[in-house]
Amino acid sequence: MGSIRQALRLGAPSCNAWAPHPTRPRPTCPNTVHATPTLPATRYLHEQPYTRQLLEKLAGENKSLFILTNSRFSFIDPGMSKIVGSDWRDLFDVVRSH
């Protein structure tokens, strides 16, 4: 149990391998999707007004909204900004990324 707590404190590497000891190097994994985080947002994603309306409706009904992802914030921010708007974080109670 102690090693799991240590790993959570250090953060799990993106390739799902754990390095719970602080002196052990974290494994590295090739990650081509996250190598160019702005490419998908600018090229393939479009503004979705209905998504924003749904999130605003749920927030207005006192629903707790959160994003929990193992993607880096630098990857999800451009996409959510493109889909929902640059103030997308204001719609969520919690945003947790890698």
C-alpha atoms as a PDB file:
ATOM      1  CA  MET A   1       0.000   0.000   0.000  1.00  0.00           C
ATOM      2  CA  GLY A   2       2.857   2.376   0.742  1.00  0.00           C
ATOM      3  CA  SER A   3       4.294   2.011  -2.769  1.00  0.00           C
ATOM      4  CA  ILE A   4       0.930   2.909  -4.302  1.00  0.00           C
ATOM      5  CA  ARG A   5       0.752   6.065  -2.193  1.00  0.00           C
ATOM      6  CA  GLN A   6       4.286   6.960  -3.261  1.00  0.00           C
ATOM      7  CA  ALA A   7       3.417   6.389  -6.914  1.00  0.00           C
ATOM      8  CA  LEU A   8       0.321   8.556  -6.655  1.00  0.00           C
ATOM      9  CA  ARG A   9       2.366  11.285  -5.023  1.00  0.00           C
ATOM     10  CA  LEU A  10       4.952  11.142  -7.811  1.00  0.00           C
ATOM     11  CA  GLY A  11       2.388  10.771 -10.588  1.00  0.00           C
ATOM     12  CA  ALA A  12       2.071   7.767 -12.841  1.00  0.00           C
ATOM     13  CA  PRO A  13       4.025   7.882 -16.100  1.00  0.00           C
ATOM     14  CA  SER A  14       1.997   8.136 -19.270  1.00  0.00           C
ATOM     15  CA  CYS A  15       2.839   4.601 -20.443  1.00  0.00           C
ATOM     16  CA  ASN A  16       1.149   2.891 -17.458  1.00  0.00           C
ATOM     17  CA  ALA A  17       4.404   1.681 -15.897  1.00  0.00           C
ATOM     18  CA  TRP A  18       4.938   2.574 -12.263  1.00  0.00           C
ATOM     19  CA  ALA A  19       8.181   3.803 -10.749  1.00  0.00           C
ATOM     20  CA  PRO A  20       7.216   4.204  -7.077  1.00  0.00           C
ATOM     21  CA  HIS A  21      10.723   4.810  -5.766  1.00  0.00           C
ATOM     22  CA  PRO A  22      11.999   8.399  -6.095  1.00  0.00           C
ATOM     23  CA  THR A  23      15.521   7.328  -7.123  1.00  0.00           C
ATOM     24  CA  ARG A  24      14.340   5.109  -9.973  1.00  0.00           C
ATOM     25  CA  PRO A  25      13.928   6.881 -13.296  1.00  0.00           C
ATOM     26  CA  ARG A  26      10.428   7.130 -14.661  1.00  0.00           C
ATOM     27  CA  PRO A  27       9.964   5.027 -17.790  1.00  0.00           C
ATOM     28  CA  THR A  28       9.576   6.934 -21.009  1.00  0.00           C
ATOM     29  CA  CYS A  29       7.271   5.887 -23.794  1.00  0.00           C
ATOM     30  CA  PRO A  30       6.969   7.225 -27.307  1.00  0.00           C
ATOM     31  CA  ASN A  31       3.769   9.222 -27.589  1.00  0.00           C
ATOM     32  CA  THR A  32       3.162  10.549 -31.060  1.00  0.00           C
ATOM     33  CA  VAL A  33      -0.399  11.739 -30.371  1.00  0.00           C
ATOM     34  CA  HIS A  34       0.743  14.162 -27.699  1.00  0.00           C
ATOM     35  CA  ALA A  35       3.864  15.241 -29.586  1.00  0.00           C
ATOM     36  CA  THR A  36       1.922  17.909 -31.503  1.00  0.00           C
ATOM     37  CA  PRO A  37      -0.957  18.868 -29.198  1.00  0.00           C
ATOM     38  CA  THR A  38      -2.261  21.752 -31.290  1.00  0.00           C
ATOM     39  CA  LEU A  39      -2.600  19.792 -34.532  1.00  0.00           C
ATOM     40  CA  PRO A  40      -5.829  17.901 -33.674  1.00  0.00           C
ATOM     41  CA  ALA A  41      -7.495  20.967 -32.136  1.00  0.00           C
ATOM     42  CA  THR A  42      -6.809  23.297 -35.018  1.00  0.00           C
ATOM     43  CA  ARG A  43      -7.298  20.824 -37.814  1.00  0.00           C
ATOM     44  CA  TYR A  44      -9.981  18.333 -36.825  1.00  0.00           C
ATOM     45  CA  LEU A  45     -12.087  19.901 -34.077  1.00  0.00           C
ATOM     46  CA  HIS A  46     -14.837  22.444 -34.531  1.00  0.00           C
ATOM     47  CA  GLU A  47     -16.847  24.677 -32.235  1.00  0.00           C
ATOM     48  CA  GLN A  48     -19.774  22.777 -30.735  1.00  0.00           C
ATOM     49  CA  PRO A  49     -22.346  25.236 -29.358  1.00  0.00           C
ATOM     50  CA  TYR A  50     -24.650  22.423 -28.203  1.00  0.00           C
ATOM     51  CA  THR A  51     -21.886  20.965 -26.043  1.00  0.00           C
ATOM     52  CA  ARG A  52     -21.441  24.287 -24.307  1.00  0.00           C
ATOM     53  CA  GLN A  53     -25.212  24.674 -23.874  1.00  0.00           C
ATOM     54  CA  LEU A  54     -25.425  21.209 -22.314  1.00  0.00           C
ATOM     55  CA  LEU A  55     -22.584  21.928 -19.899  1.00  0.00           C
ATOM     56  CA  GLU A  56     -24.137  25.275 -18.931  1.00  0.00           C
ATOM     57  CA  LYS A  57     -27.510  23.605 -18.387  1.00  0.00           C
ATOM     58  CA  LEU A  58     -26.000  20.920 -16.150  1.00  0.00           C
ATOM     59  CA  ALA A  59     -24.011  23.495 -14.184  1.00  0.00           C
ATOM     60  CA  GLY A  60     -27.186  25.580 -13.800  1.00  0.00           C
ATOM     61  CA  GLU A  61     -28.933  22.553 -12.307  1.00  0.00           C
ATOM     62  CA  ASN A  62     -26.197  22.328  -9.639  1.00  0.00           C
ATOM     63  CA  LYS A  63     -24.681  19.189 -11.158  1.00  0.00           C
ATOM     64  CA  SER A  64     -21.025  18.606 -10.310  1.00  0.00           C
ATOM     65  CA  LEU A  65     -18.991  18.534 -13.500  1.00  0.00           C
ATOM     66  CA  PHE A  66     -15.444  17.288 -13.768  1.00  0.00           C
ATOM     67  CA  ILE A  67     -12.799  16.214 -16.250  1.00  0.00           C
ATOM     68  CA  LEU A  68     -10.458  13.437 -15.212  1.00  0.00           C
ATOM     69  CA  THR A  69      -7.919  12.445 -17.843  1.00  0.00           C
ATOM     70  CA  ASN A  70      -4.436  11.039 -18.126  1.00  0.00           C
ATOM     71  CA  SER A  71      -3.752  13.412 -21.029  1.00  0.00           C
ATOM     72  CA  ARG A  72      -1.590  16.424 -20.416  1.00  0.00           C
ATOM     73  CA  PHE A  73      -3.299  19.772 -19.914  1.00  0.00           C
ATOM     74  CA  SER A  74      -1.365  21.143 -22.894  1.00  0.00           C
ATOM     75  CA  PHE A  75      -3.193  18.544 -25.000  1.00  0.00           C
ATOM     76  CA  ILE A  76      -6.755  18.997 -23.717  1.00  0.00           C
ATOM     77  CA  ASP A  77      -6.744  22.788 -23.372  1.00  0.00           C
ATOM     78  CA  PRO A  78      -6.564  23.579 -27.115  1.00  0.00           C
ATOM     79  CA  GLY A  79      -9.253  21.004 -27.887  1.00  0.00           C
ATOM     80  CA  MET A  80     -11.683  22.136 -25.213  1.00  0.00           C
ATOM     81  CA  SER A  81     -11.013  25.776 -26.097  1.00  0.00           C
ATOM     82  CA  LYS A  82     -11.894  25.040 -29.711  1.00  0.00           C
ATOM     83  CA  ILE A  83     -15.014  22.985 -28.897  1.00  0.00           C
ATOM     84  CA  VAL A  84     -16.479  24.881 -25.920  1.00  0.00           C
ATOM     85  CA  GLY A  85     -14.623  28.196 -25.752  1.00  0.00           C
ATOM     86  CA  SER A  86     -11.567  29.623 -24.048  1.00  0.00           C
ATOM     87  CA  ASP A  87     -13.362  29.820 -20.680  1.00  0.00           C
ATOM     88  CA  TRP A  88     -14.225  26.098 -20.655  1.00  0.00           C
ATOM     89  CA  ARG A  89     -12.600  25.559 -17.233  1.00  0.00           C
ATOM     90  CA  ASP A  90     -15.234  27.810 -15.649  1.00  0.00           C
ATOM     91  CA  LEU A  91     -17.882  25.204 -16.549  1.00  0.00           C
ATOM     92  CA  PHE A  92     -16.248  22.478 -14.438  1.00  0.00           C
ATOM     93  CA  ASP A  93     -15.862  22.079 -10.701  1.00  0.00           C
ATOM     94  CA  VAL A  94     -12.710  19.977 -11.096  1.00  0.00           C
ATOM     95  CA  VAL A  95     -10.240  19.575 -13.960  1.00  0.00           C
ATOM     96  CA  ARG A  96      -7.541  16.967 -13.302  1.00  0.00           C
ATOM     97  CA  SER A  97      -4.988  16.090 -15.955  1.00  0.00           C
ATOM     98  CA  HIS A  98      -1.584  14.423 -16.096  1.00  0.00           C
END
